[in-house]
Amino acid sequence: MSKVKFGIAGFSYPDWEGIVYPKPKPKGFEPLELVIKLVDVIEINSSFYSPLSVNSVEHWIKIVKNQNQPEFSFTAKLWQKWTHQNQDWAKSEVEIFKAGLQRILESGLFAGLLAQFPFSFHETKDNFQRLKRIAEEFKEFPLWVEMRHNSWLQDWFLNWLKENNIGFINIDQPIFPHSIVPTEIITANSAYVRLHGRNKENWFKENAQTAERYDYFYERNELGEWIERIKRIAQNTNQLYVICNNHFQGKGLANSLMLKFLFSQQKQIAPKCLIERYPVLKEFCQPMEAQGALF
């Protein structure tokens, strides 16, 4: 198994048509069938908005198994009910959310769960108690936490994560006062990196759409900074997942392929339409058609 897995957040977006996959999509086209040929891991994004349908999960598992991708993995975002809403929850809601995750875990494809907290989630006694409760509720799954406010960068907190084998997610985000800057922190058996883009203009813009916040394309030199960090992290952990979350118009996928090339020095494959959209990929990728993967 590869020690470093490169991938993306989500795999099906309307703005990917004609960029990542065909427009119009052929009858019966499955975005996941295409994407798993390109990346090592997919961070499930839809679980942030609602619990996963067991039927959908079964369908995804079948696609991966049929494509014979033995090293492919899923991670999943925790429901925003726990990370972004300051309210209590019922045990039944936890069990409903776990159902889909449990099926992926049983399939051998599930790497773990990530709890992404917003910048407004500062280090306070109440917030820490909420995090502890979340960790207890989902203790059967590998867990990573993403903090965006630097009040959490304290030794006692990082030590608590280590004691509980909970991973700290190293992030790239637009930098404001009190933002967490790029780190190389390891607190669990596996490590996690997430690149959100650096769209500072729209990051905290009122009424900005999600796509606007994540509309950013990393240049080679910006990715190069992370390659050095990734190499250092990989030397000190059992497994590292590197996720590009700048998903708008396939930018995250393009950057993930660039990262994997820079790390491995091996050309990747990419849909011809993605290379046409981002010509810089010609240095990093060859068209899928050259691999006999026509679509």
Foldseek 3Di string as FASTA:
>chain_A
DDQEWFEAEDQDDPLQDLAFHHVVHPPPDDSLLRRVQFTQEYEYEVQQADADDLVVLVVSLVSCVVSVNVRHAYEYEHHCCLAPDPDDDDLVRLVSNVPNVVVCVVSVRYQFYEYEHDQPQADDPVSVVSVVVVCVSPVVTAYEYEYFFQNCPDPVNLQVCLVSQYEYEFEPEADDVRTDHGDLDGRHQEYEYEYQAHLVVQCPDPPDDPLSRLQHADDLVRLVVVLVSVVVSSVPHRHYYYYYHSPRNHRRSLVSLSNVCVNVVDAGEGDPSNCVVPVVSVVRHDYCVVVVDDD
